[in-house]
Amino acid sequence: MGLDDISEYSAETSIGRIRVRLMNLENGLLILLSDKENYRLGLSAVAIPPGHGSSNPTSTGLFTVGLENELVRTMAERVAMWTNQTCLIVVGLHQMNREIMMELLTALKDYLLT
């Protein structure tokens, strides 16, 4: 992986500016999200795109429970579907809810698909 495989941008959301770092790996995509200057470990999920005979991606959450688990898994699943790549998302935000998830998904979709 070279520096060409890493990109960064920021997105304005209702909770302020969110920093995004995307790393194109040999076997997938790693996305780090942070509401701080530095990235950190946090809510995480990995998803693989739909396979033979399946119309939905497969995912699992790491360091998450309850609603947060669903939100981060949904994000990873959407990115896996859009890119047709395995996706690991690490969300280092102090606040996470459905509204914020939708804002982040819109920003990711705009960046990844344009």
PDB file of N, CA and C in Angstrom:
ATOM      1  N   MET A   1       0.842  -1.175   0.000  1.00  0.00           N
ATOM      2  CA  MET A   1       0.000   0.000   0.000  1.00  0.00           C
ATOM      3  C   MET A   1       0.888   1.239   0.000  1.00  0.00           C
ATOM      4  N   GLY A   2       0.633   2.106  -0.965  1.00  0.00           N
ATOM      5  CA  GLY A   2       1.362   3.353  -1.041  1.00  0.00           C
ATOM      6  C   GLY A   2       0.496   4.518  -0.612  1.00  0.00           C
ATOM      7  N   LEU A   3       1.082   5.707  -0.622  1.00  0.00           N
ATOM      8  CA  LEU A   3       0.326   6.892  -0.229  1.00  0.00           C
ATOM      9  C   LEU A   3      -0.825   7.177  -1.185  1.00  0.00           C
ATOM     10  N   ASP A   4      -0.717   6.711  -2.433  1.00  0.00           N
ATOM     11  CA  ASP A   4      -1.807   6.890  -3.397  1.00  0.00           C
ATOM     12  C   ASP A   4      -3.057   6.128  -2.978  1.00  0.00           C
ATOM     13  N   ASP A   5      -2.903   5.139  -2.125  1.00  0.00           N
ATOM     14  CA  ASP A   5      -4.027   4.320  -1.678  1.00  0.00           C
ATOM     15  C   ASP A   5      -4.739   4.901  -0.457  1.00  0.00           C
ATOM     16  N   ILE A   6      -4.274   6.053   0.020  1.00  0.00           N
ATOM     17  CA  ILE A   6      -4.869   6.688   1.200  1.00  0.00           C
ATOM     18  C   ILE A   6      -5.424   8.049   0.802  1.00  0.00           C
ATOM     19  N   SER A   7      -6.667   8.305   1.154  1.00  0.00           N
ATOM     20  CA  SER A   7      -7.247   9.623   0.885  1.00  0.00           C
ATOM     21  C   SER A   7      -7.943  10.128   2.143  1.00  0.00           C
ATOM     22  N   GLU A   8      -8.006  11.444   2.251  1.00  0.00           N
ATOM     23  CA  GLU A   8      -8.646  12.071   3.402  1.00  0.00           C
ATOM     24  C   GLU A   8      -9.540  13.207   2.939  1.00  0.00           C
ATOM     25  N   TYR A   9     -10.613  13.396   3.641  1.00  0.00           N
ATOM     26  CA  TYR A   9     -11.473  14.547   3.428  1.00  0.00           C
ATOM     27  C   TYR A   9     -12.264  14.782   4.702  1.00  0.00           C
ATOM     28  N   SER A  10     -13.032  15.845   4.735  1.00  0.00           N
ATOM     29  CA  SER A  10     -13.882  16.101   5.896  1.00  0.00           C
ATOM     30  C   SER A  10     -15.301  16.379   5.419  1.00  0.00           C
ATOM     31  N   ALA A  11     -16.246  16.124   6.307  1.00  0.00           N
ATOM     32  CA  ALA A  11     -17.661  16.330   6.012  1.00  0.00           C
ATOM     33  C   ALA A  11     -18.284  17.128   7.147  1.00  0.00           C
ATOM     34  N   GLU A  12     -19.073  18.121   6.793  1.00  0.00           N
ATOM     35  CA  GLU A  12     -19.800  18.896   7.800  1.00  0.00           C
ATOM     36  C   GLU A  12     -21.089  18.167   8.145  1.00  0.00           C
ATOM     37  N   THR A  13     -21.334  17.983   9.436  1.00  0.00           N
ATOM     38  CA  THR A  13     -22.535  17.298   9.912  1.00  0.00           C
ATOM     39  C   THR A  13     -23.193  18.142  11.001  1.00  0.00           C
ATOM     40  N   SER A  14     -24.312  17.669  11.493  1.00  0.00           N
ATOM     41  CA  SER A  14     -25.015  18.386  12.563  1.00  0.00           C
ATOM     42  C   SER A  14     -24.214  18.424  13.864  1.00  0.00           C
ATOM     43  N   ILE A  15     -23.219  17.545  14.007  1.00  0.00           N
ATOM     44  CA  ILE A  15     -22.376  17.556  15.213  1.00  0.00           C
ATOM     45  C   ILE A  15     -21.008  18.173  14.942  1.00  0.00           C
ATOM     46  N   GLY A  16     -20.848  18.796  13.774  1.00  0.00           N
ATOM     47  CA  GLY A  16     -19.591  19.443  13.429  1.00  0.00           C
ATOM     48  C   GLY A  16     -18.859  18.711  12.317  1.00  0.00           C
ATOM     49  N   ARG A  17     -17.597  19.087  12.155  1.00  0.00           N
ATOM     50  CA  ARG A  17     -16.775  18.526  11.088  1.00  0.00           C
ATOM     51  C   ARG A  17     -16.298  17.128  11.472  1.00  0.00           C
ATOM     52  N   ILE A  18     -16.480  16.187  10.538  1.00  0.00           N
ATOM     53  CA  ILE A  18     -16.015  14.815  10.729  1.00  0.00           C
ATOM     54  C   ILE A  18     -14.888  14.559   9.739  1.00  0.00           C
ATOM     55  N   ARG A  19     -13.779  14.076  10.243  1.00  0.00           N
ATOM     56  CA  ARG A  19     -12.641  13.726   9.389  1.00  0.00           C
ATOM     57  C   ARG A  19     -12.799  12.286   8.926  1.00  0.00           C
ATOM     58  N   VAL A  20     -12.469  12.055   7.658  1.00  0.00           N
ATOM     59  CA  VAL A  20     -12.599  10.734   7.050  1.00  0.00           C
ATOM     60  C   VAL A  20     -11.274  10.367   6.398  1.00  0.00           C
ATOM     61  N   ARG A  21     -10.776   9.189   6.719  1.00  0.00           N
ATOM     62  CA  ARG A  21      -9.579   8.650   6.058  1.00  0.00           C
ATOM     63  C   ARG A  21      -9.965   7.320   5.436  1.00  0.00           C
ATOM     64  N   LEU A  22      -9.730   7.188   4.130  1.00  0.00           N
ATOM     65  CA  LEU A  22     -10.024   5.956   3.400  1.00  0.00           C
ATOM     66  C   LEU A  22      -8.717   5.319   2.957  1.00  0.00           C
ATOM     67  N   MET A  23      -8.582   4.038   3.211  1.00  0.00           N
ATOM     68  CA  MET A  23      -7.399   3.295   2.788  1.00  0.00           C
ATOM     69  C   MET A  23      -7.835   2.133   1.908  1.00  0.00           C
ATOM     70  N   ASN A  24      -7.383   2.171   0.655  1.00  0.00           N
ATOM     71  CA  ASN A  24      -7.654   1.071  -0.262  1.00  0.00           C
ATOM     72  C   ASN A  24      -6.614  -0.013  -0.027  1.00  0.00           C
ATOM     73  N   LEU A  25      -7.050  -1.119   0.535  1.00  0.00           N
ATOM     74  CA  LEU A  25      -6.168  -2.242   0.825  1.00  0.00           C
ATOM     75  C   LEU A  25      -6.266  -3.271  -0.288  1.00  0.00           C
ATOM     76  N   GLU A  26      -5.358  -4.210  -0.308  1.00  0.00           N
ATOM     77  CA  GLU A  26      -5.361  -5.257  -1.321  1.00  0.00           C
ATOM     78  C   GLU A  26      -6.662  -6.054  -1.295  1.00  0.00           C
ATOM     79  N   ASN A  27      -7.228  -6.232  -0.113  1.00  0.00           N
ATOM     80  CA  ASN A  27      -8.425  -7.069  -0.002  1.00  0.00           C
ATOM     81  C   ASN A  27      -9.648  -6.316   0.527  1.00  0.00           C
ATOM     82  N   GLY A  28      -9.676  -5.005   0.405  1.00  0.00           N
ATOM     83  CA  GLY A  28     -10.845  -4.276   0.861  1.00  0.00           C
ATOM     84  C   GLY A  28     -10.571  -2.811   1.125  1.00  0.00           C
ATOM     85  N   LEU A  29     -11.479  -2.220   1.850  1.00  0.00           N
ATOM     86  CA  LEU A  29     -11.442  -0.795   2.132  1.00  0.00           C
ATOM     87  C   LEU A  29     -11.531  -0.580   3.643  1.00  0.00           C
ATOM     88  N   LEU A  30     -10.633   0.229   4.188  1.00  0.00           N
ATOM     89  CA  LEU A  30     -10.646   0.600   5.604  1.00  0.00           C
ATOM     90  C   LEU A  30     -11.027   2.072   5.689  1.00  0.00           C
ATOM     91  N   ILE A  31     -12.064   2.372   6.464  1.00  0.00           N
ATOM     92  CA  ILE A  31     -12.531   3.747   6.618  1.00  0.00           C
ATOM     93  C   ILE A  31     -12.475   4.122   8.089  1.00  0.00           C
ATOM     94  N   LEU A  32     -11.783   5.231   8.382  1.00  0.00           N
ATOM     95  CA  LEU A  32     -11.696   5.764   9.740  1.00  0.00           C
ATOM     96  C   LEU A  32     -12.472   7.072   9.791  1.00  0.00           C
ATOM     97  N   LEU A  33     -13.317   7.225  10.787  1.00  0.00           N
ATOM     98  CA  LEU A  33     -14.101   8.446  10.982  1.00  0.00           C
ATOM     99  C   LEU A  33     -13.780   9.011  12.356  1.00  0.00           C
ATOM    100  N   SER A  34     -13.592  10.336  12.442  1.00  0.00           N
ATOM    101  CA  SER A  34     -13.255  10.940  13.730  1.00  0.00           C
ATOM    102  C   SER A  34     -13.837  12.342  13.840  1.00  0.00           C
ATOM    103  N   ASP A  35     -14.274  12.698  15.031  1.00  0.00           N
ATOM    104  CA  ASP A  35     -14.713  14.064  15.288  1.00  0.00           C
ATOM    105  C   ASP A  35     -13.599  14.870  15.969  1.00  0.00           C
ATOM    106  N   LYS A  36     -12.426  14.281  16.066  1.00  0.00           N
ATOM    107  CA  LYS A  36     -11.248  14.936  16.647  1.00  0.00           C
ATOM    108  C   LYS A  36     -10.161  15.059  15.581  1.00  0.00           C
ATOM    109  N   GLU A  37      -9.085  15.726  15.920  1.00  0.00           N
ATOM    110  CA  GLU A  37      -7.968  15.890  14.994  1.00  0.00           C
ATOM    111  C   GLU A  37      -7.259  14.561  14.726  1.00  0.00           C
ATOM    112  N   ASN A  38      -7.192  13.703  15.750  1.00  0.00           N
ATOM    113  CA  ASN A  38      -6.537  12.402  15.605  1.00  0.00           C
ATOM    114  C   ASN A  38      -7.579  11.300  15.488  1.00  0.00           C
ATOM    115  N   TYR A  39      -7.234  10.265  14.750  1.00  0.00           N
ATOM    116  CA  TYR A  39      -8.111   9.099  14.638  1.00  0.00           C
ATOM    117  C   TYR A  39      -7.882   8.201  15.842  1.00  0.00           C
ATOM    118  N   ARG A  40      -8.902   7.433  16.200  1.00  0.00           N
ATOM    119  CA  ARG A  40      -8.778   6.533  17.344  1.00  0.00           C
ATOM    120  C   ARG A  40      -9.669   5.317  17.124  1.00  0.00           C
ATOM    121  N   LEU A  41      -9.425   4.269  17.893  1.00  0.00           N
ATOM    122  CA  LEU A  41     -10.284   3.095  17.831  1.00  0.00           C
ATOM    123  C   LEU A  41     -11.635   3.433  18.430  1.00  0.00           C
ATOM    124  N   GLY A  42     -12.662   2.789  17.914  1.00  0.00           N
ATOM    125  CA  GLY A  42     -14.008   3.033  18.415  1.00  0.00           C
ATOM    126  C   GLY A  42     -14.958   1.986  17.884  1.00  0.00           C
ATOM    127  N   LEU A  43     -16.215   2.365  17.772  1.00  0.00           N
ATOM    128  CA  LEU A  43     -17.219   1.463  17.224  1.00  0.00           C
ATOM    129  C   LEU A  43     -16.744   0.972  15.863  1.00  0.00           C
ATOM    130  N   SER A  44     -16.810  -0.325  15.638  1.00  0.00           N
ATOM    131  CA  SER A  44     -16.274  -0.891  14.402  1.00  0.00           C
ATOM    132  C   SER A  44     -17.198  -1.958  13.847  1.00  0.00           C
ATOM    133  N   ALA A  45     -17.160  -2.099  12.533  1.00  0.00           N
ATOM    134  CA  ALA A  45     -17.912  -3.168  11.876  1.00  0.00           C
ATOM    135  C   ALA A  45     -17.209  -3.512  10.579  1.00  0.00           C
ATOM    136  N   VAL A  46     -17.316  -4.768  10.208  1.00  0.00           N
ATOM    137  CA  VAL A  46     -16.775  -5.228   8.935  1.00  0.00           C
ATOM    138  C   VAL A  46     -17.914  -5.875   8.158  1.00  0.00           C
ATOM    139  N   ALA A  47     -17.931  -5.642   6.842  1.00  0.00           N
ATOM    140  CA  ALA A  47     -18.975  -6.211   5.990  1.00  0.00           C
ATOM    141  C   ALA A  47     -18.356  -6.693   4.688  1.00  0.00           C
ATOM    142  N   ILE A  48     -18.871  -7.798   4.185  1.00  0.00           N
ATOM    143  CA  ILE A  48     -18.468  -8.286   2.869  1.00  0.00           C
ATOM    144  C   ILE A  48     -19.658  -8.109   1.934  1.00  0.00           C
ATOM    145  N   PRO A  49     -19.380  -7.805   0.662  1.00  0.00           N
ATOM    146  CA  PRO A  49     -20.487  -7.571  -0.272  1.00  0.00           C
ATOM    147  C   PRO A  49     -21.295  -8.841  -0.502  1.00  0.00           C
ATOM    148  N   PRO A  50     -22.493  -8.686  -1.066  1.00  0.00           N
ATOM    149  CA  PRO A  50     -23.322  -9.861  -1.341  1.00  0.00           C
ATOM    150  C   PRO A  50     -22.571 -10.865  -2.208  1.00  0.00           C
ATOM    151  N   GLY A  51     -22.756 -12.145  -1.900  1.00  0.00           N
ATOM    152  CA  GLY A  51     -22.105 -13.201  -2.665  1.00  0.00           C
ATOM    153  C   GLY A  51     -23.107 -13.958  -3.498  1.00  0.00           C
ATOM    154  N   HIS A  52     -22.700 -15.099  -3.975  1.00  0.00           N
ATOM    155  CA  HIS A  52     -23.557 -15.931  -4.805  1.00  0.00           C
ATOM    156  C   HIS A  52     -24.825 -16.302  -4.048  1.00  0.00           C
ATOM    157  N   GLY A  53     -25.970 -16.017  -4.660  1.00  0.00           N
ATOM    158  CA  GLY A  53     -27.241 -16.391  -4.064  1.00  0.00           C
ATOM    159  C   GLY A  53     -27.714 -15.492  -2.944  1.00  0.00           C
ATOM    160  N   SER A  54     -26.989 -14.430  -2.650  1.00  0.00           N
ATOM    161  CA  SER A  54     -27.373 -13.523  -1.569  1.00  0.00           C
ATOM    162  C   SER A  54     -27.515 -12.114  -2.125  1.00  0.00           C
ATOM    163  N   SER A  55     -28.552 -11.423  -1.717  1.00  0.00           N
ATOM    164  CA  SER A  55     -28.733 -10.046  -2.175  1.00  0.00           C
ATOM    165  C   SER A  55     -28.294  -9.034  -1.121  1.00  0.00           C
ATOM    166  N   ASN A  56     -27.895  -9.519   0.046  1.00  0.00           N
ATOM    167  CA  ASN A  56     -27.479  -8.640   1.136  1.00  0.00           C
ATOM    168  C   ASN A  56     -26.050  -8.937   1.560  1.00  0.00           C
ATOM    169  N   PRO A  57     -25.329  -7.897   2.001  1.00  0.00           N
ATOM    170  CA  PRO A  57     -23.990  -8.129   2.526  1.00  0.00           C
ATOM    171  C   PRO A  57     -24.049  -8.840   3.875  1.00  0.00           C
ATOM    172  N   THR A  58     -22.924  -9.403   4.271  1.00  0.00           N
ATOM    173  CA  THR A  58     -22.782 -10.044   5.574  1.00  0.00           C
ATOM    174  C   THR A  58     -21.893  -9.149   6.425  1.00  0.00           C
ATOM    175  N   SER A  59     -22.265  -8.944   7.700  1.00  0.00           N
ATOM    176  CA  SER A  59     -21.479  -8.043   8.536  1.00  0.00           C
ATOM    177  C   SER A  59     -21.467  -8.509   9.978  1.00  0.00           C
ATOM    178  N   THR A  60     -20.520  -7.951  10.710  1.00  0.00           N
ATOM    179  CA  THR A  60     -20.458  -8.166  12.154  1.00  0.00           C
ATOM    180  C   THR A  60     -19.886  -6.909  12.795  1.00  0.00           C
ATOM    181  N   GLY A  61     -20.300  -6.632  14.026  1.00  0.00           N
ATOM    182  CA  GLY A  61     -19.814  -5.468  14.746  1.00  0.00           C
ATOM    183  C   GLY A  61     -18.729  -5.848  15.737  1.00  0.00           C
ATOM    184  N   LEU A  62     -17.813  -4.912  15.973  1.00  0.00           N
ATOM    185  CA  LEU A  62     -16.734  -5.077  16.948  1.00  0.00           C
ATOM    186  C   LEU A  62     -16.811  -3.903  17.922  1.00  0.00           C
ATOM    187  N   PHE A  63     -16.642  -4.149  19.189  1.00  0.00           N
ATOM    188  CA  PHE A  63     -16.675  -3.098  20.215  1.00  0.00           C
ATOM    189  C   PHE A  63     -18.017  -2.370  20.238  1.00  0.00           C
ATOM    190  N   THR A  64     -19.110  -3.034  19.828  1.00  0.00           N
ATOM    191  CA  THR A  64     -20.399  -2.367  19.771  1.00  0.00           C
ATOM    192  C   THR A  64     -21.483  -3.252  20.360  1.00  0.00           C
ATOM    193  N   VAL A  65     -22.518  -2.609  20.868  1.00  0.00           N
ATOM    194  CA  VAL A  65     -23.692  -3.328  21.362  1.00  0.00           C
ATOM    195  C   VAL A  65     -24.932  -2.514  21.021  1.00  0.00           C
ATOM    196  N   GLY A  66     -26.065  -3.163  20.960  1.00  0.00           N
ATOM    197  CA  GLY A  66     -27.346  -2.493  20.789  1.00  0.00           C
ATOM    198  C   GLY A  66     -27.454  -1.677  19.522  1.00  0.00           C
ATOM    199  N   LEU A  67     -28.034  -0.493  19.649  1.00  0.00           N
ATOM    200  CA  LEU A  67     -28.290   0.370  18.508  1.00  0.00           C
ATOM    201  C   LEU A  67     -27.002   0.772  17.803  1.00  0.00           C
ATOM    202  N   GLU A  68     -25.953   1.061  18.574  1.00  0.00           N
ATOM    203  CA  GLU A  68     -24.679   1.438  17.958  1.00  0.00           C
ATOM    204  C   GLU A  68     -24.177   0.340  17.031  1.00  0.00           C
ATOM    205  N   ASN A  69     -24.341  -0.910  17.428  1.00  0.00           N
ATOM    206  CA  ASN A  69     -23.941  -2.044  16.602  1.00  0.00           C
ATOM    207  C   ASN A  69     -24.683  -2.005  15.268  1.00  0.00           C
ATOM    208  N   GLU A  70     -25.986  -1.805  15.318  1.00  0.00           N
ATOM    209  CA  GLU A  70     -26.790  -1.755  14.096  1.00  0.00           C
ATOM    210  C   GLU A  70     -26.364  -0.607  13.192  1.00  0.00           C
ATOM    211  N   LEU A  71     -26.105   0.555  13.767  1.00  0.00           N
ATOM    212  CA  LEU A  71     -25.750   1.731  12.978  1.00  0.00           C
ATOM    213  C   LEU A  71     -24.426   1.547  12.249  1.00  0.00           C
ATOM    214  N   VAL A  72     -23.414   1.082  12.963  1.00  0.00           N
ATOM    215  CA  VAL A  72     -22.094   0.921  12.351  1.00  0.00           C
ATOM    216  C   VAL A  72     -22.116  -0.223  11.338  1.00  0.00           C
ATOM    217  N   ARG A  73     -22.817  -1.305  11.639  1.00  0.00           N
ATOM    218  CA  ARG A  73     -22.946  -2.409  10.677  1.00  0.00           C
ATOM    219  C   ARG A  73     -23.660  -1.940   9.415  1.00  0.00           C
ATOM    220  N   THR A  74     -24.697  -1.141   9.567  1.00  0.00           N
ATOM    221  CA  THR A  74     -25.404  -0.612   8.400  1.00  0.00           C
ATOM    222  C   THR A  74     -24.469   0.201   7.520  1.00  0.00           C
ATOM    223  N   MET A  75     -23.632   1.017   8.138  1.00  0.00           N
ATOM    224  CA  MET A  75     -22.676   1.814   7.369  1.00  0.00           C
ATOM    225  C   MET A  75     -21.720   0.918   6.597  1.00  0.00           C
ATOM    226  N   ALA A  76     -21.155  -0.080   7.259  1.00  0.00           N
ATOM    227  CA  ALA A  76     -20.215  -0.990   6.594  1.00  0.00           C
ATOM    228  C   ALA A  76     -20.903  -1.750   5.465  1.00  0.00           C
ATOM    229  N   GLU A  77     -22.132  -2.186   5.695  1.00  0.00           N
ATOM    230  CA  GLU A  77     -22.864  -2.924   4.666  1.00  0.00           C
ATOM    231  C   GLU A  77     -23.131  -2.064   3.437  1.00  0.00           C
ATOM    232  N   ARG A  78     -23.534  -0.826   3.644  1.00  0.00           N
ATOM    233  CA  ARG A  78     -23.810   0.064   2.506  1.00  0.00           C
ATOM    234  C   ARG A  78     -22.552   0.298   1.683  1.00  0.00           C
ATOM    235  N   VAL A  79     -21.438   0.571   2.355  1.00  0.00           N
ATOM    236  CA  VAL A  79     -20.188   0.808   1.626  1.00  0.00           C
ATOM    237  C   VAL A  79     -19.772  -0.455   0.874  1.00  0.00           C
ATOM    238  N   ALA A  80     -19.913  -1.621   1.498  1.00  0.00           N
ATOM    239  CA  ALA A  80     -19.572  -2.882   0.825  1.00  0.00           C
ATOM    240  C   ALA A  80     -20.422  -3.073  -0.428  1.00  0.00           C
ATOM    241  N   MET A  81     -21.700  -2.715  -0.355  1.00  0.00           N
ATOM    242  CA  MET A  81     -22.573  -2.837  -1.525  1.00  0.00           C
ATOM    243  C   MET A  81     -22.193  -1.835  -2.609  1.00  0.00           C
ATOM    244  N   TRP A  82     -21.920  -0.596  -2.230  1.00  0.00           N
ATOM    245  CA  TRP A  82     -21.587   0.438  -3.212  1.00  0.00           C
ATOM    246  C   TRP A  82     -20.281   0.154  -3.930  1.00  0.00           C
ATOM    247  N   THR A  83     -19.298  -0.379  -3.191  1.00  0.00           N
ATOM    248  CA  THR A  83     -17.956  -0.561  -3.752  1.00  0.00           C
ATOM    249  C   THR A  83     -17.673  -1.985  -4.202  1.00  0.00           C
ATOM    250  N   ASN A  84     -18.536  -2.919  -3.805  1.00  0.00           N
ATOM    251  CA  ASN A  84     -18.323  -4.351  -4.057  1.00  0.00           C
ATOM    252  C   ASN A  84     -16.980  -4.818  -3.478  1.00  0.00           C
ATOM    253  N   GLN A  85     -16.627  -4.277  -2.322  1.00  0.00           N
ATOM    254  CA  GLN A  85     -15.400  -4.639  -1.611  1.00  0.00           C
ATOM    255  C   GLN A  85     -15.737  -4.901  -0.141  1.00  0.00           C
ATOM    256  N   THR A  86     -14.907  -5.706   0.496  1.00  0.00           N
ATOM    257  CA  THR A  86     -15.005  -5.850   1.943  1.00  0.00           C
ATOM    258  C   THR A  86     -14.695  -4.493   2.556  1.00  0.00           C
ATOM    259  N   CYS A  87     -15.425  -4.118   3.587  1.00  0.00           N
ATOM    260  CA  CYS A  87     -15.260  -2.799   4.196  1.00  0.00           C
ATOM    261  C   CYS A  87     -15.186  -2.927   5.713  1.00  0.00           C
ATOM    262  N   LEU A  88     -14.169  -2.320   6.294  1.00  0.00           N
ATOM    263  CA  LEU A  88     -14.046  -2.199   7.747  1.00  0.00           C
ATOM    264  C   LEU A  88     -14.163  -0.721   8.080  1.00  0.00           C
ATOM    265  N   ILE A  89     -15.133  -0.374   8.916  1.00  0.00           N
ATOM    266  CA  ILE A  89     -15.330   1.015   9.342  1.00  0.00           C
ATOM    267  C   ILE A  89     -15.035   1.114  10.832  1.00  0.00           C
ATOM    268  N   VAL A  90     -14.250   2.129  11.197  1.00  0.00           N
ATOM    269  CA  VAL A  90     -13.952   2.425  12.598  1.00  0.00           C
ATOM    270  C   VAL A  90     -14.459   3.844  12.866  1.00  0.00           C
ATOM    271  N   VAL A  91     -15.431   3.955  13.760  1.00  0.00           N
ATOM    272  CA  VAL A  91     -16.081   5.236  14.038  1.00  0.00           C
ATOM    273  C   VAL A  91     -15.607   5.755  15.392  1.00  0.00           C
ATOM    274  N   GLY A  92     -14.824   6.810  15.365  1.00  0.00           N
ATOM    275  CA  GLY A  92     -14.338   7.445  16.585  1.00  0.00           C
ATOM    276  C   GLY A  92     -15.096   8.736  16.853  1.00  0.00           C
ATOM    277  N   LEU A  93     -16.392   8.620  17.111  1.00  0.00           N
ATOM    278  CA  LEU A  93     -17.228   9.782  17.407  1.00  0.00           C
ATOM    279  C   LEU A  93     -17.732   9.685  18.841  1.00  0.00           C
ATOM    280  N   HIS A  94     -17.918  10.830  19.481  1.00  0.00           N
ATOM    281  CA  HIS A  94     -18.457  10.823  20.842  1.00  0.00           C
ATOM    282  C   HIS A  94     -19.963  10.630  20.861  1.00  0.00           C
ATOM    283  N   GLN A  95     -20.593  10.814  19.721  1.00  0.00           N
ATOM    284  CA  GLN A  95     -22.045  10.700  19.640  1.00  0.00           C
ATOM    285  C   GLN A  95     -22.391   9.970  18.350  1.00  0.00           C
ATOM    286  N   MET A  96     -23.321   9.006  18.430  1.00  0.00           N
ATOM    287  CA  MET A  96     -23.747   8.275  17.237  1.00  0.00           C
ATOM    288  C   MET A  96     -25.231   7.971  17.370  1.00  0.00           C
ATOM    289  N   ASN A  97     -25.997   8.384  16.357  1.00  0.00           N
ATOM    290  CA  ASN A  97     -27.417   8.061  16.299  1.00  0.00           C
ATOM    291  C   ASN A  97     -27.815   7.903  14.832  1.00  0.00           C
ATOM    292  N   ARG A  98     -29.079   7.624  14.568  1.00  0.00           N
ATOM    293  CA  ARG A  98     -29.525   7.383  13.189  1.00  0.00           C
ATOM    294  C   ARG A  98     -29.325   8.607  12.296  1.00  0.00           C
ATOM    295  N   GLU A  99     -29.607   9.782  12.814  1.00  0.00           N
ATOM    296  CA  GLU A  99     -29.446  11.001  12.023  1.00  0.00           C
ATOM    297  C   GLU A  99     -27.989  11.183  11.597  1.00  0.00           C
ATOM    298  N   ILE A 100     -27.082  11.007  12.537  1.00  0.00           N
ATOM    299  CA  ILE A 100     -25.659  11.150  12.228  1.00  0.00           C
ATOM    300  C   ILE A 100     -25.231  10.071  11.246  1.00  0.00           C
ATOM    301  N   MET A 101     -25.700   8.838  11.432  1.00  0.00           N
ATOM    302  CA  MET A 101     -25.371   7.761  10.499  1.00  0.00           C
ATOM    303  C   MET A 101     -25.798   8.133   9.084  1.00  0.00           C
ATOM    304  N   MET A 102     -27.004   8.669   8.930  1.00  0.00           N
ATOM    305  CA  MET A 102     -27.494   9.040   7.601  1.00  0.00           C
ATOM    306  C   MET A 102     -26.651  10.160   6.994  1.00  0.00           C
ATOM    307  N   GLU A 103     -26.255  11.125   7.801  1.00  0.00           N
ATOM    308  CA  GLU A 103     -25.392  12.197   7.310  1.00  0.00           C
ATOM    309  C   GLU A 103     -24.050  11.636   6.839  1.00  0.00           C
ATOM    310  N   LEU A 104     -23.480  10.731   7.623  1.00  0.00           N
ATOM    311  CA  LEU A 104     -22.198  10.136   7.260  1.00  0.00           C
ATOM    312  C   LEU A 104     -22.326   9.276   6.008  1.00  0.00           C
ATOM    313  N   LEU A 105     -23.400   8.508   5.899  1.00  0.00           N
ATOM    314  CA  LEU A 105     -23.611   7.685   4.705  1.00  0.00           C
ATOM    315  C   LEU A 105     -23.752   8.548   3.460  1.00  0.00           C
ATOM    316  N   THR A 106     -24.450   9.661   3.566  1.00  0.00           N
ATOM    317  CA  THR A 106     -24.582  10.567   2.422  1.00  0.00           C
ATOM    318  C   THR A 106     -23.221  11.102   2.002  1.00  0.00           C
ATOM    319  N   ALA A 107     -22.417  11.517   2.967  1.00  0.00           N
ATOM    320  CA  ALA A 107     -21.082  12.030   2.661  1.00  0.00           C
ATOM    321  C   ALA A 107     -20.201  10.947   2.045  1.00  0.00           C
ATOM    322  N   LEU A 108     -20.245   9.736   2.595  1.00  0.00           N
ATOM    323  CA  LEU A 108     -19.445   8.639   2.045  1.00  0.00           C
ATOM    324  C   LEU A 108     -19.896   8.285   0.639  1.00  0.00           C
ATOM    325  N   LYS A 109     -21.189   8.223   0.423  1.00  0.00           N
ATOM    326  CA  LYS A 109     -21.710   7.881  -0.905  1.00  0.00           C
ATOM    327  C   LYS A 109     -21.297   8.935  -1.926  1.00  0.00           C
ATOM    328  N   ASP A 110     -21.436  10.205  -1.565  1.00  0.00           N
ATOM    329  CA  ASP A 110     -21.027  11.283  -2.468  1.00  0.00           C
ATOM    330  C   ASP A 110     -19.553  11.175  -2.823  1.00  0.00           C
ATOM    331  N   TYR A 111     -18.729  10.859  -1.842  1.00  0.00           N
ATOM    332  CA  TYR A 111     -17.282  10.766  -2.080  1.00  0.00           C
ATOM    333  C   TYR A 111     -16.925   9.518  -2.885  1.00  0.00           C
ATOM    334  N   LEU A 112     -17.494   8.383  -2.526  1.00  0.00           N
ATOM    335  CA  LEU A 112     -17.115   7.114  -3.152  1.00  0.00           C
ATOM    336  C   LEU A 112     -17.688   6.931  -4.552  1.00  0.00           C
ATOM    337  N   LEU A 113     -18.849   7.490  -4.816  1.00  0.00           N
ATOM    338  CA  LEU A 113     -19.526   7.219  -6.086  1.00  0.00           C
ATOM    339  C   LEU A 113     -19.489   8.382  -7.069  1.00  0.00           C
ATOM    340  N   THR A 114     -18.722   9.428  -6.767  1.00  0.00           N
ATOM    341  CA  THR A 114     -18.616  10.534  -7.725  1.00  0.00           C
ATOM    342  C   THR A 114     -17.204  10.718  -8.185  1.00  0.00           C
TER     343      THR A 114
END
